[in-house]
Protein backbone atom coordinates (compact mmCIF):
# COMPACT_ATOMS: atom_id res chain seq x y z
CA UNK A 1 16.14 -10.66 31.91
CA UNK A 2 14.31 -12.66 34.61
CA UNK A 3 11.18 -14.80 34.06
CA UNK A 4 8.81 -12.05 35.23
CA UNK A 5 10.43 -9.55 32.88
CA UNK A 6 10.13 -12.05 30.01
CA UNK A 7 6.45 -12.55 30.80
CA UNK A 8 5.93 -8.80 30.97
CA UNK A 9 7.66 -8.42 27.61
CA UNK A 10 5.40 -11.05 26.01
CA UNK A 11 2.33 -9.35 27.43
CA UNK A 12 3.56 -6.10 25.96
CA UNK A 13 4.38 -7.68 22.62
CA UNK A 14 0.95 -9.27 22.12
CA UNK A 15 -1.06 -6.04 21.79
CA UNK A 16 1.70 -4.53 19.67
CA UNK A 17 1.50 -7.45 17.24
CA UNK A 18 -2.29 -7.18 17.17
CA UNK A 19 -2.10 -3.46 16.53
CA UNK A 20 0.38 -3.96 13.71
CA UNK A 21 -1.74 -6.74 12.23
CA UNK A 22 -4.57 -4.26 11.97
CA UNK A 23 -2.47 -2.22 9.56
CA UNK A 24 -0.99 -5.11 7.59
CA UNK A 25 -4.32 -6.17 6.08
CA UNK A 26 -4.99 -4.49 2.76
CA UNK A 27 -8.01 -2.36 3.63
CA UNK A 28 -7.25 0.45 1.18
CA UNK A 29 -5.21 0.80 -2.00
CA UNK A 30 -1.41 0.75 -1.84
CA UNK A 31 0.43 3.98 -2.83
CA UNK A 32 3.63 1.95 -3.17
CA UNK A 33 2.25 -0.74 -5.43
CA UNK A 34 4.71 0.13 -8.21
CA UNK A 35 8.07 1.84 -8.45
CA UNK A 36 7.30 5.22 -10.04
CA UNK A 37 10.87 6.49 -10.30
CA UNK A 38 12.16 7.45 -13.71
CA UNK A 39 15.37 9.12 -14.91
CA UNK A 40 15.38 12.77 -13.82
CA UNK A 41 14.53 15.27 -16.54
CA UNK A 42 16.76 18.32 -17.11
CA UNK A 43 16.38 21.14 -14.59
CA UNK A 44 13.69 23.60 -15.68
CA UNK A 45 14.90 27.15 -15.14
CA UNK A 46 12.31 29.04 -17.20
CA UNK A 47 10.68 31.29 -14.60
CA UNK A 48 7.39 31.54 -16.47
CA UNK A 49 7.05 27.77 -16.56
CA UNK A 50 7.95 27.47 -12.89
CA UNK A 51 5.53 30.24 -11.95
CA UNK A 52 2.58 28.33 -13.42
CA UNK A 53 3.31 25.50 -10.98
CA UNK A 54 4.60 27.32 -7.91
CA UNK A 55 2.31 30.36 -7.89
CA UNK A 56 -1.06 29.00 -9.03
CA UNK A 57 -3.71 31.31 -7.55
CA UNK A 58 -7.02 30.07 -6.19
CA UNK A 59 -10.27 30.68 -8.01
CA UNK A 60 -13.48 28.60 -7.78
CA UNK A 61 -13.22 27.41 -11.38
CA UNK A 62 -9.82 25.80 -10.64
CA UNK A 63 -11.35 23.52 -7.99
CA UNK A 64 -11.65 19.98 -9.39
CA UNK A 65 -15.01 18.25 -9.29
CA UNK A 66 -15.75 15.22 -7.10
CA UNK A 67 -12.91 15.78 -4.68
CA UNK A 68 -11.79 12.91 -2.48
CA UNK A 69 -9.87 15.08 0.00
CA UNK A 70 -8.92 18.65 0.82
CA UNK A 71 -5.55 19.48 2.40
CA UNK A 72 -5.13 22.73 4.33
CA UNK A 73 -1.55 23.98 3.91
CA UNK A 74 1.09 23.19 1.27
CA UNK A 75 4.03 22.43 3.53
CA UNK A 76 5.77 19.13 2.85
CA UNK A 77 3.46 17.39 5.33
CA UNK A 78 0.43 18.48 3.30
CA UNK A 79 1.99 17.96 -0.13
CA UNK A 80 3.29 14.48 0.76
CA UNK A 81 -0.11 13.35 2.07
CA UNK A 82 -1.71 14.65 -1.14
CA UNK A 83 0.89 12.88 -3.31
CA UNK A 84 0.40 9.58 -1.50
CA UNK A 85 -3.36 9.80 -1.96
CA UNK A 86 -2.90 10.84 -5.59
CA UNK A 87 -0.83 7.70 -6.14
CA UNK A 88 -3.95 5.63 -5.39
CA UNK A 89 -6.10 7.73 -7.70
CA UNK A 90 -7.61 10.15 -5.20
CA UNK A 91 -8.47 13.69 -6.30
CA UNK A 92 -6.94 16.03 -3.75
CA UNK A 93 -7.12 19.80 -3.49
CA UNK A 94 -4.32 21.48 -1.54
CA UNK A 95 -5.07 25.02 -0.35
CA UNK A 96 -2.31 27.43 0.72
CA UNK A 97 -2.89 30.82 2.33
CA UNK A 98 0.37 32.27 0.98
CA UNK A 99 0.97 33.23 -2.65
CA UNK A 100 4.01 30.94 -2.93
CA UNK A 101 3.33 27.24 -2.57
CA UNK A 102 5.41 24.94 -0.39
CA UNK A 103 5.32 26.23 3.18
CA UNK A 104 8.86 26.05 4.57
CA UNK A 105 9.97 24.39 1.31
CA UNK A 106 9.16 27.44 -0.79
CA UNK A 107 11.82 29.66 -2.32
CA UNK A 108 11.48 33.36 -3.09
CA UNK A 109 13.36 35.83 -5.28
CA UNK A 110 14.39 39.39 -4.45
CA UNK A 111 16.71 41.76 -6.32
CA UNK A 112 17.88 38.98 -8.62
CA UNK A 113 18.67 36.52 -5.80
CA UNK A 114 16.85 33.30 -4.86
CA UNK A 115 16.46 32.30 -1.23
CA UNK A 116 15.29 29.10 0.47
CA UNK A 117 13.19 29.56 3.57
CA UNK A 118 13.40 26.32 5.56
CA UNK A 119 15.28 23.46 3.92
CA UNK A 120 18.96 23.72 4.80
CA UNK A 121 20.07 20.08 4.80
CA UNK A 122 18.53 16.62 5.07
CA UNK A 123 20.07 13.43 6.42
CA UNK A 124 19.71 9.69 5.74
CA UNK A 125 19.52 10.06 1.96
CA UNK A 126 22.41 7.72 1.23
CA UNK A 127 22.01 5.18 -1.55
CA UNK A 128 19.99 2.15 -0.53
CA UNK A 129 18.31 3.77 2.47
CA UNK A 130 14.57 3.35 2.90
CA UNK A 131 14.31 7.07 3.55
CA UNK A 132 15.89 7.90 0.17
CA UNK A 133 13.60 5.38 -1.50
CA UNK A 134 10.53 7.00 0.09
CA UNK A 135 11.54 10.53 -0.89
CA UNK A 136 12.30 9.40 -4.45
CA UNK A 137 8.86 7.79 -4.73
CA UNK A 138 7.21 11.07 -3.66
CA UNK A 139 8.79 12.91 -6.60
CA UNK A 140 8.88 10.00 -9.10
CA UNK A 141 12.68 10.24 -8.93
CA UNK A 142 12.73 13.77 -10.37
CA UNK A 143 14.24 15.47 -7.33
CA UNK A 144 18.02 15.13 -7.20
CA UNK A 145 20.10 15.59 -4.06
CA UNK A 146 23.63 16.96 -3.83
CA UNK A 147 25.80 15.55 -1.03
CA UNK A 148 27.27 18.13 1.28
CA UNK A 149 31.04 18.08 1.95
CA UNK A 150 32.52 15.55 4.40
CA UNK A 151 32.49 18.25 7.09
CA UNK A 152 28.80 19.03 6.87
CA UNK A 153 28.60 21.00 10.15
CA UNK A 154 31.16 23.08 12.02
CA UNK A 155 30.79 24.55 15.51
CA UNK A 156 32.43 27.80 16.60
CA UNK A 157 32.49 28.38 20.35
CA UNK A 158 33.49 32.00 20.68
CA UNK A 159 34.44 34.40 17.89
CA UNK A 160 34.72 33.29 14.25
CA UNK A 161 38.22 33.79 12.90
CA UNK A 162 39.70 33.67 16.39
CA UNK A 163 38.32 30.44 17.84
CA UNK A 164 38.91 27.31 15.80
CA UNK A 165 35.83 25.58 14.39
CA UNK A 166 35.12 22.03 15.56
CA UNK A 167 34.24 19.71 12.68
CA UNK A 168 31.38 17.21 12.45
CA UNK A 169 32.07 14.73 9.67
CA UNK A 170 30.17 12.28 7.47
CA UNK A 171 30.11 8.60 8.41
CA UNK A 172 29.46 7.11 11.84
CA UNK A 173 33.05 5.97 12.36
CA UNK A 174 34.54 9.18 10.94
CA UNK A 175 32.12 11.36 12.93
CA UNK A 176 33.25 9.97 16.28
CA UNK A 177 36.89 9.40 15.36
CA UNK A 178 37.18 13.02 14.24
CA UNK A 179 35.70 14.11 17.57
CA UNK A 180 38.34 12.06 19.38
CA UNK A 181 41.09 13.75 17.34
CA UNK A 182 39.74 17.17 18.31
CA UNK A 183 39.22 16.19 21.97
CA UNK A 184 42.20 14.02 23.00
CA UNK A 185 41.70 12.36 26.35
CA UNK A 186 37.91 12.33 25.96
CA UNK A 187 37.65 9.00 24.14
CA UNK A 188 35.58 7.33 26.87
CA UNK A 189 33.02 10.15 26.94
CA UNK A 190 32.72 10.13 23.15
CA UNK A 191 32.31 6.35 23.04
CA UNK A 192 29.58 6.50 25.69
CA UNK A 193 27.78 9.29 23.82
CA UNK A 194 27.91 7.14 20.68
CA UNK A 195 26.56 4.13 22.58
CA UNK A 196 23.69 6.11 24.07
CA UNK A 197 22.69 7.60 20.71
CA UNK A 198 22.74 4.17 19.11
CA UNK A 199 20.73 2.49 21.86
CA UNK A 200 18.05 5.19 21.80
CA UNK A 201 17.66 5.36 18.03
CA UNK A 202 17.77 1.59 17.49
CA UNK A 203 14.63 1.19 19.57
CA UNK A 204 12.90 4.34 18.37
CA UNK A 205 10.36 2.28 16.43
CA UNK A 206 8.62 1.60 19.75
CA UNK A 207 7.53 5.25 19.95
CA UNK A 208 6.06 4.98 16.47
CA UNK A 209 4.09 1.88 17.40
CA UNK A 210 2.53 3.83 20.28
CA UNK A 211 0.57 5.84 17.70
CA UNK A 212 -1.09 2.62 16.50
CA UNK A 213 -2.12 1.25 19.89
CA UNK A 214 -5.41 2.21 21.59
CA UNK A 215 -4.74 5.12 23.95
CA UNK A 216 -6.08 3.36 27.08
CA UNK A 217 -3.57 0.56 26.44
CA UNK A 218 -0.74 3.07 25.99
CA UNK A 219 -1.63 4.71 29.29
CA UNK A 220 -1.64 1.32 31.02
CA UNK A 221 1.73 0.35 29.56
CA UNK A 222 3.21 3.74 30.39
CA UNK A 223 2.03 3.82 33.97
CA UNK A 224 3.12 0.24 34.54
CA UNK A 225 6.71 1.23 33.76
CA UNK A 226 7.11 -1.64 31.29
CA UNK A 227 7.91 0.55 28.32
CA UNK A 228 10.63 2.44 30.15
CA UNK A 229 12.02 -0.81 31.48
CA UNK A 230 12.25 -2.46 28.08
CA UNK A 231 12.94 0.42 25.70
CA UNK A 232 15.94 2.79 25.95
CA UNK A 233 14.03 5.24 23.75
CA UNK A 234 11.17 5.42 26.23
CA UNK A 235 13.51 5.47 29.19
CA UNK A 236 15.58 8.39 27.90
CA UNK A 237 12.61 10.61 27.02
CA UNK A 238 12.62 11.82 30.64
CA UNK A 239 16.30 12.70 30.72
CA UNK A 240 17.39 16.07 29.37
CA UNK A 241 20.26 16.56 26.96
CA UNK A 242 22.06 18.65 29.55
CA UNK A 243 21.65 16.01 32.25
CA UNK A 244 23.05 13.24 30.06
CA UNK A 245 25.88 15.28 28.55
CA UNK A 246 26.99 16.76 31.89
CA UNK A 247 27.29 13.20 33.18
CA UNK A 248 29.62 12.20 30.37
CA UNK A 249 32.38 14.78 30.71
CA UNK A 250 33.53 17.90 32.54
CA UNK A 251 34.98 19.33 29.31
CA UNK A 252 32.83 22.40 28.62
CA UNK A 253 33.64 22.49 24.91
CA UNK A 254 32.83 18.83 24.40
CA UNK A 255 29.57 19.26 26.29
CA UNK A 256 28.72 22.06 23.88
CA UNK A 257 29.58 19.96 20.82
CA UNK A 258 27.49 17.03 22.08
CA UNK A 259 24.58 19.50 22.39
CA UNK A 260 25.26 21.78 19.39
CA UNK A 261 22.42 20.61 17.16
CA UNK A 262 19.60 21.72 19.48
CA UNK A 263 18.60 24.67 17.20
CA UNK A 264 17.29 22.11 14.68
CA UNK A 265 14.40 21.47 17.08
CA UNK A 266 14.52 24.76 18.99
CA UNK A 267 14.70 23.69 22.66
CA UNK A 268 17.44 24.42 25.21
CA UNK A 269 19.54 21.39 26.26
CA UNK A 270 18.12 21.55 29.79
CA UNK A 271 14.55 21.28 28.45
CA UNK A 272 15.06 18.86 25.57
CA UNK A 273 14.70 15.10 25.75
CA UNK A 274 17.85 13.13 25.02
CA UNK A 275 15.74 10.74 22.93
CA UNK A 276 14.71 13.51 20.54
CA UNK A 277 18.26 14.86 20.47
CA UNK A 278 19.63 11.41 19.61
CA UNK A 279 17.29 11.19 16.62
CA UNK A 280 18.71 14.41 15.20
CA UNK A 281 22.31 13.32 15.81
CA UNK A 282 21.64 9.94 14.19
CA UNK A 283 19.86 11.60 11.25
CA UNK A 284 23.13 13.17 10.05
CA UNK A 285 25.68 10.49 10.93
CA UNK A 286 25.70 9.19 7.36
CA UNK A 287 26.06 12.72 5.99
CA UNK A 288 23.80 15.48 4.71
CA UNK A 289 22.24 16.39 1.38
CA UNK A 290 20.78 19.48 -0.27
CA UNK A 291 18.21 19.55 -3.11
CA UNK A 292 19.75 20.37 -6.49
CA UNK A 293 18.11 23.52 -7.75
CA UNK A 294 17.11 24.61 -4.24
CA UNK A 295 14.20 23.71 -2.00
CA UNK A 296 11.68 24.96 -4.55
CA UNK A 297 12.43 21.80 -6.53
CA UNK A 298 10.72 19.74 -3.83
CA UNK A 299 7.48 21.60 -4.45
CA UNK A 300 7.96 21.77 -8.22
CA UNK A 301 8.15 17.97 -8.51
CA UNK A 302 5.34 17.03 -6.13
CA UNK A 303 2.54 19.27 -7.46
CA UNK A 304 2.37 17.63 -10.94
CA UNK A 305 1.75 14.21 -9.33
CA UNK A 306 -1.26 15.63 -7.48
CA UNK A 307 -2.52 17.29 -10.68
CA UNK A 308 -2.04 14.14 -12.76
CA UNK A 309 -4.57 12.34 -10.55
CA UNK A 310 -7.12 15.12 -11.11
CA UNK A 311 -6.28 17.25 -8.07
CA UNK A 312 -4.80 20.71 -7.76
CA UNK A 313 -2.60 22.89 -5.52
CA UNK A 314 -3.64 26.53 -5.20
CA UNK A 315 -2.25 29.53 -3.34
CA UNK A 316 -3.83 32.72 -2.02
CA UNK A 317 -6.55 30.48 -0.62
CA UNK A 318 -6.81 31.27 3.10
CA UNK A 319 -9.08 28.70 4.73
CA UNK A 320 -11.44 30.44 7.13
CA UNK A 321 -13.04 27.41 8.76
CA UNK A 322 -13.54 23.67 8.58
CA UNK A 323 -17.14 22.81 7.73
CA UNK A 324 -19.06 20.15 9.66
CA UNK A 325 -22.23 18.34 8.62
CA UNK A 326 -25.29 17.80 10.80
CA UNK A 327 -23.59 14.79 12.44
CA UNK A 328 -20.47 16.76 13.40
CA UNK A 329 -18.30 15.22 10.69
CA UNK A 330 -15.81 17.28 8.70
CA UNK A 331 -17.19 17.74 5.19
CA UNK A 332 -15.44 20.74 3.67
CA UNK A 333 -13.75 24.10 4.14
CA UNK A 334 -14.63 27.73 3.57
CA UNK A 335 -12.08 29.82 1.66
CA UNK A 336 -11.87 33.60 1.54
CA UNK A 337 -11.71 35.00 -1.99
CA UNK A 338 -11.68 38.78 -1.92
CA UNK A 339 -14.80 39.82 -0.05
CA UNK A 340 -16.51 36.50 -0.73
CA UNK A 341 -16.36 33.14 1.01
CA UNK A 342 -16.30 29.98 -1.11
CA UNK A 343 -17.38 26.65 0.40
CA UNK A 344 -15.64 23.54 -0.97
CA UNK A 345 -16.71 20.03 0.01
CA UNK A 346 -14.90 16.69 0.28
CA UNK A 347 -15.35 13.54 2.39
CA UNK A 348 -11.88 13.86 3.97
CA UNK A 349 -10.22 16.99 5.35
CA UNK A 350 -6.49 16.98 6.17
CA UNK A 351 -4.85 19.83 8.04
CA UNK A 352 -1.17 20.69 7.66
CA UNK A 353 -1.80 23.99 9.43
CA UNK A 354 -0.61 22.77 12.83
CA UNK A 355 -2.56 21.85 15.91
CA UNK A 356 -3.11 25.42 17.16
CA UNK A 357 -4.39 26.79 13.85
CA UNK A 358 -6.53 23.73 13.26
CA UNK A 359 -8.12 23.42 16.67
CA UNK A 360 -8.21 27.02 17.88
CA UNK A 361 -8.87 28.93 14.65
CA UNK A 362 -10.40 26.64 12.01
CA UNK A 363 -12.75 24.40 13.99
CA UNK A 364 -16.22 25.76 14.77
CA UNK A 365 -16.92 26.38 18.50
CA UNK A 366 -18.90 23.17 19.04
CA UNK A 367 -16.03 21.02 17.79
CA UNK A 368 -13.40 23.10 19.56
CA UNK A 369 -15.20 22.40 22.85
CA UNK A 370 -14.95 18.61 22.51
CA UNK A 371 -13.14 17.14 25.54
CA UNK A 372 -10.63 15.30 23.34
CA UNK A 373 -9.76 18.53 21.50
CA UNK A 374 -9.36 20.51 24.70
CA UNK A 375 -7.27 17.74 26.26
CA UNK A 376 -4.95 17.72 23.24
CA UNK A 377 -4.56 21.51 23.38
CA UNK A 378 -3.68 21.36 27.08
CA UNK A 379 -0.80 19.04 26.22
CA UNK A 380 0.62 21.42 23.60
CA UNK A 381 2.64 24.61 23.96
CA UNK A 382 4.01 27.00 21.36
CA UNK A 383 7.64 26.76 20.32
CA UNK A 384 9.96 29.76 20.40
CA UNK A 385 10.00 32.18 17.49
CA UNK A 386 12.75 32.48 14.94
CA UNK A 387 14.63 35.32 13.24
CA UNK A 388 16.11 34.97 9.73
CA UNK A 389 18.49 37.06 7.65
CA UNK A 390 18.81 36.64 3.88
CA UNK A 391 21.92 38.04 2.20
CA UNK A 392 22.59 38.50 -1.53
CA UNK A 393 26.25 38.92 -2.54
CA UNK A 394 28.15 40.04 -5.60
CA UNK A 395 30.64 37.35 -6.61
CA UNK A 396 30.68 33.56 -6.82
CA UNK A 397 30.93 31.35 -3.75
CA UNK A 398 34.46 30.42 -4.78
CA UNK A 399 35.51 34.06 -5.18
CA UNK A 400 34.04 34.99 -1.80
CA UNK A 401 35.34 31.94 0.06
CA UNK A 402 31.86 30.70 0.99
CA UNK A 403 31.63 27.08 2.12
CA UNK A 404 28.95 24.43 1.73
CA UNK A 405 29.55 23.54 5.39
CA UNK A 406 26.93 24.83 7.84
CA UNK A 407 28.25 26.87 10.77
CA UNK A 408 26.77 26.90 14.26
CA UNK A 409 28.25 29.90 16.07
CA UNK A 410 27.85 30.22 19.84
CA UNK A 411 29.16 33.08 21.96
CA UNK A 412 30.28 30.74 24.75
CA UNK A 413 30.64 27.07 25.76
CA UNK A 414 27.68 26.99 28.13
CA UNK A 415 24.89 26.79 25.58
CA UNK A 416 22.09 26.57 28.10
CA UNK A 417 23.27 29.56 30.08
CA UNK A 418 23.78 31.88 27.11
CA UNK A 419 20.39 31.01 25.64
CA UNK A 420 18.67 31.36 29.00
CA UNK A 421 20.19 34.81 29.46
CA UNK A 422 19.14 35.78 25.93
CA UNK A 423 15.51 34.69 26.35
CA UNK A 424 15.27 36.59 29.63
CA UNK A 425 16.71 39.81 28.22
CA UNK A 426 14.89 42.89 27.09
CA UNK A 427 14.59 43.34 23.33
CA UNK A 428 17.42 45.86 23.17
CA UNK A 429 19.71 43.74 25.34
CA UNK A 430 18.93 40.68 23.22
CA UNK A 431 19.80 42.47 19.97
CA UNK A 432 23.16 43.48 21.42
CA UNK A 433 24.01 39.98 22.68
CA UNK A 434 22.79 37.35 20.23
CA UNK A 435 24.32 34.06 21.47
CA UNK A 436 23.52 31.73 18.56
CA UNK A 437 23.75 31.89 14.77
CA UNK A 438 23.25 29.20 12.17
CA UNK A 439 25.02 30.35 9.01
CA UNK A 440 24.61 28.52 5.72
CA UNK A 441 25.24 29.29 2.05
CA UNK A 442 22.59 27.83 -0.28
CA UNK A 443 24.59 28.97 -3.32
CA UNK A 444 27.65 27.02 -2.13
CA UNK A 445 25.61 23.86 -1.50
CA UNK A 446 23.75 23.80 -4.81
CA UNK A 447 25.80 22.55 -7.80
CA UNK A 448 23.29 24.17 -10.19
CA UNK A 449 23.57 27.63 -8.64
CA UNK A 450 26.40 29.05 -10.76
CA UNK A 451 24.57 28.02 -13.93
CA UNK A 452 21.37 29.69 -12.73
CA UNK A 453 22.83 32.79 -11.05
CA UNK A 454 26.36 33.37 -12.36
CA UNK A 455 28.47 35.82 -10.37
CA UNK A 456 26.08 35.87 -7.41
CA UNK A 457 25.96 34.14 -4.02
CA UNK A 458 23.67 33.92 -1.01
CA UNK A 459 23.78 33.37 2.72
CA UNK A 460 20.98 32.46 5.09
CA UNK A 461 21.36 33.10 8.81
CA UNK A 462 18.99 31.93 11.52
CA UNK A 463 18.68 32.54 15.24
CA UNK A 464 15.93 32.24 17.81
CA UNK A 465 13.86 35.24 18.91
CA UNK A 466 10.97 35.70 21.31
CA UNK A 467 7.62 36.60 19.81
CA UNK A 468 7.04 39.07 22.64
CA UNK A 469 9.92 41.27 21.43
CA UNK A 470 7.92 42.08 18.27
CA UNK A 471 4.35 41.53 19.45
CA UNK A 472 3.43 45.22 19.59
CA UNK A 473 3.36 45.28 15.76
CA UNK A 474 1.37 42.05 15.30
CA UNK A 475 -1.77 43.81 14.08
CA UNK A 476 0.04 45.93 11.53
CA UNK A 477 -0.04 44.74 7.89
CA UNK A 478 3.13 43.26 6.43
CA UNK A 479 5.48 45.84 4.84
CA UNK A 480 3.53 48.57 6.65
CA UNK A 481 4.61 48.12 10.24
CA UNK A 482 6.33 51.47 10.40
CA UNK A 483 9.80 52.91 10.99
CA UNK A 484 10.03 51.82 14.63
CA UNK A 485 9.57 48.17 13.66
CA UNK A 486 12.10 48.47 10.83
CA UNK A 487 14.60 50.08 13.20
CA UNK A 488 14.25 47.26 15.74
CA UNK A 489 14.62 44.67 13.01
CA UNK A 490 17.72 46.47 11.73
CA UNK A 491 19.41 46.32 15.13
CA UNK A 492 19.15 42.52 15.05
CA UNK A 493 20.26 42.32 11.42
CA UNK A 494 23.26 44.59 11.96
CA UNK A 495 24.42 42.65 15.02
CA UNK A 496 24.07 39.37 13.16
CA UNK A 497 26.00 40.65 10.15
CA UNK A 498 28.91 41.81 12.30
CA UNK A 499 29.44 38.19 13.40
CA UNK A 500 28.96 36.87 9.85
CA UNK A 501 31.65 39.26 8.58
CA UNK A 502 34.08 37.70 11.06
CA UNK A 503 33.29 34.27 9.63
CA UNK A 504 33.51 35.45 6.01
CA UNK A 505 35.64 38.64 5.99
CA UNK A 506 35.76 38.90 2.18
CA UNK A 507 32.05 39.59 1.81
CA UNK A 508 31.67 42.86 3.72
CA UNK A 509 31.89 45.09 0.64
CA UNK A 510 30.05 42.59 -1.59
CA UNK A 511 26.60 42.80 -0.01
CA UNK A 512 23.92 43.79 -2.52
CA UNK A 513 20.82 42.71 -0.62
CA UNK A 514 20.05 42.01 3.02
CA UNK A 515 16.68 41.44 4.63
CA UNK A 516 15.56 40.30 8.07
CA UNK A 517 12.55 38.23 9.02
CA UNK A 518 11.13 38.39 12.55
CA UNK A 519 8.65 36.04 14.24
CA UNK A 520 5.95 38.28 12.72
CA UNK A 521 7.36 37.49 9.29
CA UNK A 522 6.99 33.78 10.01
CA UNK A 523 3.49 34.42 11.31
CA UNK A 524 2.52 36.07 8.03
CA UNK A 525 4.22 33.82 5.49
CA UNK A 526 3.98 30.35 7.05
CA UNK A 527 1.03 31.01 9.39
CA UNK A 528 2.91 30.02 12.53
CA UNK A 529 0.79 31.44 15.38
CA UNK A 530 3.71 32.92 17.35
CA UNK A 531 6.42 33.00 14.72
CA UNK A 532 7.79 29.55 15.54
CA UNK A 533 9.75 27.48 13.01
CA UNK A 534 8.87 24.05 14.39
CA UNK A 535 5.21 24.10 15.39
CA UNK A 536 4.52 22.80 18.88
CA UNK A 537 7.30 23.08 21.43
CA UNK A 538 9.63 20.07 21.40
CA UNK A 539 10.31 20.10 25.14
CA UNK A 540 10.45 16.97 27.27
CA UNK A 541 6.70 17.02 27.90
CA UNK A 542 6.09 16.46 24.19
CA UNK A 543 8.32 13.37 24.07
CA UNK A 544 6.73 11.56 26.99
CA UNK A 545 5.05 8.27 26.14
CA UNK A 546 1.43 9.41 26.44
CA UNK A 547 2.11 12.67 24.59
CA UNK A 548 3.78 10.79 21.72
CA UNK A 549 0.89 8.34 21.49
CA UNK A 550 -1.71 11.12 21.59
CA UNK A 551 -0.07 13.04 18.74
CA UNK A 552 -1.67 10.98 16.01
CA UNK A 553 -3.36 11.95 12.73
CA UNK A 554 -6.86 10.91 13.76
CA UNK A 555 -8.87 13.59 15.55
CA UNK A 556 -12.03 13.69 17.65
CA UNK A 557 -13.83 15.14 14.61
CA UNK A 558 -14.72 12.32 12.19
CA UNK A 559 -13.14 12.66 8.73
CA UNK A 560 -10.65 15.29 9.97
CA UNK A 561 -6.98 14.29 10.01
CA UNK A 562 -3.72 16.03 10.92
CA UNK A 563 -0.43 15.78 9.05
CA UNK A 564 3.01 17.37 9.30
CA UNK A 565 5.32 18.28 12.17
CA UNK A 566 2.74 18.27 14.96
CA UNK A 567 1.92 14.61 14.27
CA UNK A 568 5.54 13.45 14.46
CA UNK A 569 8.55 15.71 15.05
CA UNK A 570 10.02 18.84 13.50
CA UNK A 571 11.77 19.47 10.22
CA UNK A 572 11.52 18.05 6.71
CA UNK A 573 11.91 14.45 7.85
CA UNK A 574 9.50 14.87 10.75
CA UNK A 575 6.81 16.51 8.60
CA UNK A 576 7.11 13.66 6.09
CA UNK A 577 6.70 11.14 8.89
CA UNK A 578 3.50 12.96 9.82
CA UNK A 579 2.30 12.57 6.22
CA UNK A 580 3.07 8.83 6.17
CA UNK A 581 1.20 8.33 9.44
CA UNK A 582 -1.73 10.40 8.19
CA UNK A 583 -2.00 8.50 4.91
CA UNK A 584 -1.72 5.17 6.73
CA UNK A 585 -4.65 6.17 8.92
CA UNK A 586 -6.79 7.28 5.97
CA UNK A 587 -6.04 4.21 3.84
CA UNK A 588 -6.10 1.91 6.89
CA UNK A 589 -2.87 0.22 5.96
CA UNK A 590 0.74 0.47 7.08
CA UNK A 591 2.33 2.20 4.09
CA UNK A 592 5.79 1.88 5.69
CA UNK A 593 5.48 -1.87 5.22
CA UNK A 594 4.25 -1.29 1.68
CA UNK A 595 7.31 0.85 0.91
CA UNK A 596 9.70 -1.68 2.44
CA UNK A 597 8.14 -4.49 0.42
CA UNK A 598 8.41 -2.44 -2.79
CA UNK A 599 12.03 -1.58 -2.09
CA UNK A 600 12.84 -5.22 -1.41
CA UNK A 601 11.06 -6.26 -4.61
CA UNK A 602 12.94 -3.64 -6.66
CA UNK A 603 16.29 -4.60 -5.18
CA UNK A 604 15.52 -8.27 -5.70
CA UNK A 605 14.63 -7.90 -9.36
CA UNK A 606 17.26 -5.33 -10.33
CA UNK A 607 19.94 -5.73 -7.69
CA UNK A 608 19.81 -1.97 -7.34
CA UNK A 609 17.61 0.12 -9.57
CA UNK A 610 19.52 2.57 -11.74
CA UNK A 611 17.74 5.81 -12.44
């Protein structure tokens, strides 16, 4: 690095240090002042007890007095923000439009089977990790995680049962060494892929700091080229996954395996930033975990913390609008209750409903018209919709040969091409040629399943699907969309199941329940405007420096904050990051530093805390 580059780096570092200093000072209380973990209590399986927590229905008399904050949406981004505020004594009311609390963390039961909706596996929960420490603090140590098998993911390129699955294994060294065993002669390409992933993710903190800097300064740094010059993370945001991977090898199968995980953020390799892709690869290098007792346990163990501080979490509470005072500040929400509208007031309003719902549907017209709001909306686009299939089976996972390993099944090696063809097909053509399936067995991953549901098993299957294929029924009420809709849905389900039967041939005569969910299903149950799983589209435009910096919890409406996926990135981990950023902004302190200091203090006093 030459003298001018060193000077440029110092000039860059100064405002970063100043921005960080702003958050180091203790302006608000610290949610990580004490270690709240305690030994986990026995799993509660009594459905009546669980129902009182997970299906609490809104009524005005259940609204606590003297609220400090209202959270719109009970996804993990909303629940985590509420928990963090509850840990400093704030009374928080979380309002959920659906009857089941938890957003994509909720579980539902049908015909004697339990199904998760959005949590399939989580990375970076190994012992001693900061991420594990943070998640444990959010549930007071009551949520337990089961490690997935050493081969946590497997990729089938072609037909299950005919084409051999490629294994992705736990542990950074094992992950890449196993790839080399499966792709002899491609050692150099695999080593370079590993190097690129490491270089991008090591410097990823720079993108987080951008959310703390004043936006004019970010724009200056971005347009000067300094950030791209000094940070591999910033530099690689403008290179697509396909561009990078195609430059590493001519082996079509290896290219596909390097790119296989793109469904976890929902963008084709040619449109996705390699920086974002690297984060997802890195997230699972140390393995994957699944919540013991299913994803409903996440919700079950966060709600009591909110209630203990005097708050509450209530479902069937569709927020109609965000209320503003005479000065244009957010001061409450209106909730529909039957034919009535109930106004609830609090000094802070937090939305976990996503940027489109918040800005386009919930804000009154005068706030929606603010230049900053309109500018933010112009930078955002909707992600693609998703299609889910839930399968209930007679027989245990062991009897049926179900694995805890997740399967990514692609019809061909050229992932971009097959997905491009699919998205540009008619609905009927798409149903006949589904190129991607993610197949997972919650019952095989959960060590408590056999105790809770003996002699039964489940599968969850996910693919992408365009909202437009189902849009003609968007105004029809759920469960009453008619035979034509059900027939279309069945064509997708039947095609999907034919592939699943090739993966697991012993289950074909063991199916007791099967149900499909279209983008309209997602629209109804998780309020995604166009049936998307991951909120805003995660294309390369979203990962550019200015777009990253602009996606922050503070809004142009005073006292209104955003949390969840649209503040950070997609998925469980991304939504939690949104909650940490949101709470940091509200409390005016860097709670990441607080958590790191608490972890260091705990490790220093106990070596390693046993819980």
